[in-house]
Amino acid sequence: MPLPQEELRKFSDDLARVIGAPSTLRPFVCEGSPLDCEVFIVGYNPATQMDGDWWRYWDPKYGYHKKEWFRYYLAQRGGPSKTRSKIEDIVRGLSGVRVLEANIDARPSAKKSAYPRPVTEPFDFLISVCRPKVVIAHGTDAVAHLQGWKAKGTLIECKHFIYVGRERTAQILAETRQALA
């Protein structure tokens, strides 16, 4: 059985073959190893184009440094988007649970119309290798893409996060905790 660091290094090498290195794609963010994440939060695509290489926050012995990425994200944007705020609310509400944030299309754009047909290879690779127990899918495209995954875990479906209020957020958190129990 491979050691965790060997598994992470293999994951890193395999991901680099999918997205390239360096890469302006944003396949996911999480703190630490994506291989340990029980919950995925999945949308359509990243709305914010980040300057530089996604890999600069990656360490093959640790995984992804979300805290460092997030500081840069806030500095570049000037503050979180509505979607990012909701993601952070859910991550905080799942304290102690390993959460990975991804999109079915890793290409950043402010408008979905820039990429009306998603390129899902990075996401499909990610979900097949990481095998989360719960996926929270927000938005019709993410929900539709994940219908075939339902048999592998719990799929929690909702509107795009910009339309999700406190009540639905509390329901999502409760459903997630119940699925992990």
C-alpha atoms as a PDB file:
ATOM      1  CA  MET A   1       0.000   0.000   0.000  1.00  0.00           C
ATOM      2  CA  PRO A   2       1.469   3.383  -0.990  1.00  0.00           C
ATOM      3  CA  LEU A   3       2.322   5.900   1.708  1.00  0.00           C
ATOM      4  CA  PRO A   4       0.147   9.059   1.841  1.00  0.00           C
ATOM      5  CA  GLN A   5       2.973  11.236   0.456  1.00  0.00           C
ATOM      6  CA  GLU A   6       3.494   8.807  -2.431  1.00  0.00           C
ATOM      7  CA  GLU A   7      -0.249   8.883  -3.168  1.00  0.00           C
ATOM      8  CA  LEU A   8      -0.223  12.686  -3.111  1.00  0.00           C
ATOM      9  CA  ARG A   9       2.798  12.830  -5.419  1.00  0.00           C
ATOM     10  CA  LYS A  10       1.103  10.437  -7.868  1.00  0.00           C
ATOM     11  CA  PHE A  11      -2.090  12.524  -7.700  1.00  0.00           C
ATOM     12  CA  SER A  12      -0.027  15.641  -8.411  1.00  0.00           C
ATOM     13  CA  ASP A  13       1.699  14.041 -11.407  1.00  0.00           C
ATOM     14  CA  ASP A  14      -1.608  12.744 -12.797  1.00  0.00           C
ATOM     15  CA  LEU A  15      -3.340  16.104 -12.320  1.00  0.00           C
ATOM     16  CA  ALA A  16      -0.462  17.888 -14.083  1.00  0.00           C
ATOM     17  CA  ARG A  17      -1.032  15.620 -17.083  1.00  0.00           C
ATOM     18  CA  VAL A  18      -4.697  16.718 -17.121  1.00  0.00           C
ATOM     19  CA  ILE A  19      -4.383  20.497 -16.521  1.00  0.00           C
ATOM     20  CA  GLY A  20      -0.767  21.158 -17.422  1.00  0.00           C
ATOM     21  CA  ALA A  21       1.924  22.813 -15.328  1.00  0.00           C
ATOM     22  CA  PRO A  22       2.020  25.750 -15.073  1.00  0.00           C
ATOM     23  CA  SER A  23      -1.740  26.261 -15.313  1.00  0.00           C
ATOM     24  CA  THR A  24      -4.222  29.123 -15.146  1.00  0.00           C
ATOM     25  CA  LEU A  25      -7.044  26.621 -14.625  1.00  0.00           C
ATOM     26  CA  ARG A  26      -8.441  26.332 -11.115  1.00  0.00           C
ATOM     27  CA  PRO A  27      -9.340  22.647 -10.715  1.00  0.00           C
ATOM     28  CA  PHE A  28      -9.972  22.940  -6.963  1.00  0.00           C
ATOM     29  CA  VAL A  29      -8.989  24.543  -3.691  1.00  0.00           C
ATOM     30  CA  CYS A  30      -8.776  22.887  -0.299  1.00  0.00           C
ATOM     31  CA  GLU A  31      -6.499  22.982   2.705  1.00  0.00           C
ATOM     32  CA  GLY A  32      -4.100  20.039   2.555  1.00  0.00           C
ATOM     33  CA  SER A  33      -4.575  16.839   0.626  1.00  0.00           C
ATOM     34  CA  PRO A  34      -7.552  16.619  -1.727  1.00  0.00           C
ATOM     35  CA  LEU A  35      -7.425  12.848  -1.262  1.00  0.00           C
ATOM     36  CA  ASP A  36      -8.722  13.212   2.319  1.00  0.00           C
ATOM     37  CA  CYS A  37     -11.720  15.416   1.512  1.00  0.00           C
ATOM     38  CA  GLU A  38     -15.077  13.854   2.387  1.00  0.00           C
ATOM     39  CA  VAL A  39     -17.148  16.722   0.988  1.00  0.00           C
ATOM     40  CA  PHE A  40     -16.978  18.474  -2.373  1.00  0.00           C
ATOM     41  CA  ILE A  41     -18.686  21.801  -3.062  1.00  0.00           C
ATOM     42  CA  VAL A  42     -19.200  22.015  -6.821  1.00  0.00           C
ATOM     43  CA  GLY A  43     -20.328  24.826  -9.106  1.00  0.00           C
ATOM     44  CA  TYR A  44     -20.067  25.557 -12.826  1.00  0.00           C
ATOM     45  CA  ASN A  45     -16.776  27.450 -13.151  1.00  0.00           C
ATOM     46  CA  PRO A  46     -14.602  29.878 -11.173  1.00  0.00           C
ATOM     47  CA  ALA A  47     -15.842  33.436 -11.700  1.00  0.00           C
ATOM     48  CA  THR A  48     -12.550  35.074 -10.763  1.00  0.00           C
ATOM     49  CA  GLN A  49      -9.520  34.859 -13.021  1.00  0.00           C
ATOM     50  CA  MET A  50      -6.506  34.676 -10.713  1.00  0.00           C
ATOM     51  CA  ASP A  51      -3.158  36.035 -11.845  1.00  0.00           C
ATOM     52  CA  GLY A  52      -0.393  33.465 -12.010  1.00  0.00           C
ATOM     53  CA  ASP A  53      -0.045  29.732 -11.760  1.00  0.00           C
ATOM     54  CA  TRP A  54      -2.476  27.566  -9.771  1.00  0.00           C
ATOM     55  CA  TRP A  55       0.426  25.275  -8.825  1.00  0.00           C
ATOM     56  CA  ARG A  56       2.177  27.977  -6.747  1.00  0.00           C
ATOM     57  CA  TYR A  57      -0.087  27.012  -3.829  1.00  0.00           C
ATOM     58  CA  TRP A  58       0.568  23.275  -4.271  1.00  0.00           C
ATOM     59  CA  ASP A  59       3.077  21.304  -2.218  1.00  0.00           C
ATOM     60  CA  PRO A  60       3.454  17.630  -3.173  1.00  0.00           C
ATOM     61  CA  LYS A  61       4.153  16.764   0.474  1.00  0.00           C
ATOM     62  CA  TYR A  62       1.167  18.701   1.867  1.00  0.00           C
ATOM     63  CA  GLY A  63      -1.406  19.342  -0.821  1.00  0.00           C
ATOM     64  CA  TYR A  64      -3.048  22.678  -1.537  1.00  0.00           C
ATOM     65  CA  HIS A  65      -2.503  25.772   0.605  1.00  0.00           C
ATOM     66  CA  LYS A  66      -5.994  27.274   0.532  1.00  0.00           C
ATOM     67  CA  LYS A  67      -5.233  29.808   3.261  1.00  0.00           C
ATOM     68  CA  GLU A  68      -2.432  31.303   1.156  1.00  0.00           C
ATOM     69  CA  TRP A  69      -4.567  31.146  -1.990  1.00  0.00           C
ATOM     70  CA  PHE A  70      -7.469  32.817  -0.183  1.00  0.00           C
ATOM     71  CA  ARG A  71      -5.301  35.726   1.020  1.00  0.00           C
ATOM     72  CA  TYR A  72      -4.197  36.303  -2.569  1.00  0.00           C
ATOM     73  CA  TYR A  73      -7.785  35.945  -3.840  1.00  0.00           C
ATOM     74  CA  LEU A  74      -9.012  38.599  -1.385  1.00  0.00           C
ATOM     75  CA  ALA A  75      -6.140  40.937  -2.243  1.00  0.00           C
ATOM     76  CA  GLN A  76      -6.800  40.563  -5.957  1.00  0.00           C
ATOM     77  CA  ARG A  77     -10.603  40.937  -5.743  1.00  0.00           C
ATOM     78  CA  GLY A  78     -10.811  43.391  -2.867  1.00  0.00           C
ATOM     79  CA  GLY A  79     -13.307  41.117  -1.104  1.00  0.00           C
ATOM     80  CA  PRO A  80     -15.175  37.866  -1.576  1.00  0.00           C
ATOM     81  CA  SER A  81     -17.860  37.344  -4.217  1.00  0.00           C
ATOM     82  CA  LYS A  82     -21.367  36.339  -3.098  1.00  0.00           C
ATOM     83  CA  THR A  83     -20.620  32.778  -4.195  1.00  0.00           C
ATOM     84  CA  ARG A  84     -17.287  32.708  -2.338  1.00  0.00           C
ATOM     85  CA  SER A  85     -18.993  34.074   0.791  1.00  0.00           C
ATOM     86  CA  LYS A  86     -21.553  31.247   0.689  1.00  0.00           C
ATOM     87  CA  ILE A  87     -18.811  28.660   0.143  1.00  0.00           C
ATOM     88  CA  GLU A  88     -16.924  30.011   3.152  1.00  0.00           C
ATOM     89  CA  ASP A  89     -20.146  29.965   5.248  1.00  0.00           C
ATOM     90  CA  ILE A  90     -20.620  26.293   4.424  1.00  0.00           C
ATOM     91  CA  VAL A  91     -16.974  25.391   5.051  1.00  0.00           C
ATOM     92  CA  ARG A  92     -17.126  27.147   8.456  1.00  0.00           C
ATOM     93  CA  GLY A  93     -20.407  25.364   9.209  1.00  0.00           C
ATOM     94  CA  LEU A  94     -18.703  22.030   8.549  1.00  0.00           C
ATOM     95  CA  SER A  95     -15.873  22.642  10.982  1.00  0.00           C
ATOM     96  CA  GLY A  96     -13.762  19.512  11.388  1.00  0.00           C
ATOM     97  CA  VAL A  97     -14.857  18.136   7.994  1.00  0.00           C
ATOM     98  CA  ARG A  98     -12.411  18.082   5.088  1.00  0.00           C
ATOM     99  CA  VAL A  99     -13.964  20.087   2.232  1.00  0.00           C
ATOM    100  CA  LEU A 100     -12.774  20.554  -1.342  1.00  0.00           C
ATOM    101  CA  GLU A 101     -14.166  23.287  -3.592  1.00  0.00           C
ATOM    102  CA  ALA A 102     -14.301  22.608  -7.318  1.00  0.00           C
ATOM    103  CA  ASN A 103     -16.210  23.394 -10.496  1.00  0.00           C
ATOM    104  CA  ILE A 104     -17.239  21.163 -13.367  1.00  0.00           C
ATOM    105  CA  ASP A 105     -15.273  23.512 -15.654  1.00  0.00           C
ATOM    106  CA  ALA A 106     -11.938  24.736 -14.245  1.00  0.00           C
ATOM    107  CA  ARG A 107     -11.646  27.625 -16.720  1.00  0.00           C
ATOM    108  CA  PRO A 108     -12.260  30.957 -14.955  1.00  0.00           C
ATOM    109  CA  SER A 109     -14.653  33.508 -16.422  1.00  0.00           C
ATOM    110  CA  ALA A 110     -16.947  36.161 -15.007  1.00  0.00           C
ATOM    111  CA  LYS A 111     -19.828  34.946 -17.172  1.00  0.00           C
ATOM    112  CA  LYS A 112     -20.932  31.422 -17.953  1.00  0.00           C
ATOM    113  CA  SER A 113     -21.624  32.525 -21.519  1.00  0.00           C
ATOM    114  CA  ALA A 114     -17.851  32.700 -22.085  1.00  0.00           C
ATOM    115  CA  TYR A 115     -17.784  28.899 -21.817  1.00  0.00           C
ATOM    116  CA  PRO A 116     -21.296  27.636 -22.595  1.00  0.00           C
ATOM    117  CA  ARG A 117     -20.008  24.080 -23.094  1.00  0.00           C
ATOM    118  CA  PRO A 118     -18.026  22.967 -20.056  1.00  0.00           C
ATOM    119  CA  VAL A 119     -14.708  21.149 -20.298  1.00  0.00           C
ATOM    120  CA  THR A 120     -15.046  18.669 -17.450  1.00  0.00           C
ATOM    121  CA  GLU A 121     -11.960  16.461 -17.729  1.00  0.00           C
ATOM    122  CA  PRO A 122     -10.152  18.026 -14.721  1.00  0.00           C
ATOM    123  CA  PHE A 123     -13.265  17.715 -12.543  1.00  0.00           C
ATOM    124  CA  ASP A 124     -14.071  14.198 -13.703  1.00  0.00           C
ATOM    125  CA  PHE A 125     -10.497  13.162 -12.886  1.00  0.00           C
ATOM    126  CA  LEU A 126     -10.741  14.799  -9.470  1.00  0.00           C
ATOM    127  CA  ILE A 127     -13.998  13.201  -8.383  1.00  0.00           C
ATOM    128  CA  SER A 128     -12.941   9.763  -9.627  1.00  0.00           C
ATOM    129  CA  VAL A 129      -9.652   9.843  -7.712  1.00  0.00           C
ATOM    130  CA  CYS A 130     -10.796  11.579  -4.503  1.00  0.00           C
ATOM    131  CA  ARG A 131     -14.142   9.774  -4.113  1.00  0.00           C
ATOM    132  CA  PRO A 132     -15.976  12.134  -1.722  1.00  0.00           C
ATOM    133  CA  LYS A 133     -18.856  10.871   0.411  1.00  0.00           C
ATOM    134  CA  VAL A 134     -20.961  14.005  -0.146  1.00  0.00           C
ATOM    135  CA  VAL A 135     -21.155  16.439  -3.041  1.00  0.00           C
ATOM    136  CA  ILE A 136     -22.972  19.751  -2.646  1.00  0.00           C
ATOM    137  CA  ALA A 137     -23.801  20.837  -6.194  1.00  0.00           C
ATOM    138  CA  HIS A 138     -24.986  24.391  -6.747  1.00  0.00           C
ATOM    139  CA  GLY A 139     -26.477  25.533 -10.026  1.00  0.00           C
ATOM    140  CA  THR A 140     -28.328  23.610 -12.714  1.00  0.00           C
ATOM    141  CA  ASP A 141     -25.240  22.681 -14.759  1.00  0.00           C
ATOM    142  CA  ALA A 142     -23.318  21.276 -11.809  1.00  0.00           C
ATOM    143  CA  VAL A 143     -26.411  19.392 -10.607  1.00  0.00           C
ATOM    144  CA  ALA A 144     -27.009  17.959 -14.087  1.00  0.00           C
ATOM    145  CA  HIS A 145     -23.363  16.908 -14.522  1.00  0.00           C
ATOM    146  CA  LEU A 146     -23.400  15.035 -11.220  1.00  0.00           C
ATOM    147  CA  GLN A 147     -26.585  13.010 -11.755  1.00  0.00           C
ATOM    148  CA  GLY A 148     -24.533   9.984 -12.825  1.00  0.00           C
ATOM    149  CA  TRP A 149     -22.450  10.225  -9.640  1.00  0.00           C
ATOM    150  CA  LYS A 150     -25.451   9.864  -7.284  1.00  0.00           C
ATOM    151  CA  ALA A 151     -24.971   6.103  -6.819  1.00  0.00           C
ATOM    152  CA  LYS A 152     -21.474   6.699  -5.387  1.00  0.00           C
ATOM    153  CA  GLY A 153     -22.428   9.001  -2.510  1.00  0.00           C
ATOM    154  CA  THR A 154     -24.847  11.656  -1.341  1.00  0.00           C
ATOM    155  CA  LEU A 155     -25.626  14.432  -3.808  1.00  0.00           C
ATOM    156  CA  ILE A 156     -27.095  17.563  -2.244  1.00  0.00           C
ATOM    157  CA  GLU A 157     -28.625  19.732  -4.948  1.00  0.00           C
ATOM    158  CA  CYS A 158     -29.400  23.431  -4.743  1.00  0.00           C
ATOM    159  CA  LYS A 159     -29.731  26.602  -6.758  1.00  0.00           C
ATOM    160  CA  HIS A 160     -26.614  28.595  -7.527  1.00  0.00           C
ATOM    161  CA  PHE A 161     -25.199  29.876  -4.233  1.00  0.00           C
ATOM    162  CA  ILE A 162     -26.001  33.508  -5.055  1.00  0.00           C
ATOM    163  CA  TYR A 163     -29.675  32.501  -4.636  1.00  0.00           C
ATOM    164  CA  VAL A 164     -29.249  30.396  -1.482  1.00  0.00           C
ATOM    165  CA  GLY A 165     -30.342  32.035   1.769  1.00  0.00           C
ATOM    166  CA  ARG A 166     -29.707  31.218   5.417  1.00  0.00           C
ATOM    167  CA  GLU A 167     -32.520  28.687   5.711  1.00  0.00           C
ATOM    168  CA  ARG A 168     -31.330  26.600   2.743  1.00  0.00           C
ATOM    169  CA  THR A 169     -27.732  26.924   3.958  1.00  0.00           C
ATOM    170  CA  ALA A 170     -28.768  25.460   7.322  1.00  0.00           C
ATOM    171  CA  GLN A 171     -30.547  22.626   5.484  1.00  0.00           C
ATOM    172  CA  ILE A 172     -27.449  21.920   3.376  1.00  0.00           C
ATOM    173  CA  LEU A 173     -25.313  21.758   6.505  1.00  0.00           C
ATOM    174  CA  ALA A 174     -27.787  19.425   8.243  1.00  0.00           C
ATOM    175  CA  GLU A 175     -28.072  17.157   5.190  1.00  0.00           C
ATOM    176  CA  THR A 176     -24.282  17.011   4.897  1.00  0.00           C
ATOM    177  CA  ARG A 177     -23.768  16.151   8.565  1.00  0.00           C
ATOM    178  CA  GLN A 178     -26.475  13.497   8.373  1.00  0.00           C
ATOM    179  CA  ALA A 179     -24.877  11.922   5.285  1.00  0.00           C
ATOM    180  CA  LEU A 180     -21.484  11.816   7.017  1.00  0.00           C
ATOM    181  CA  ALA A 181     -22.855  10.315  10.270  1.00  0.00           C
END
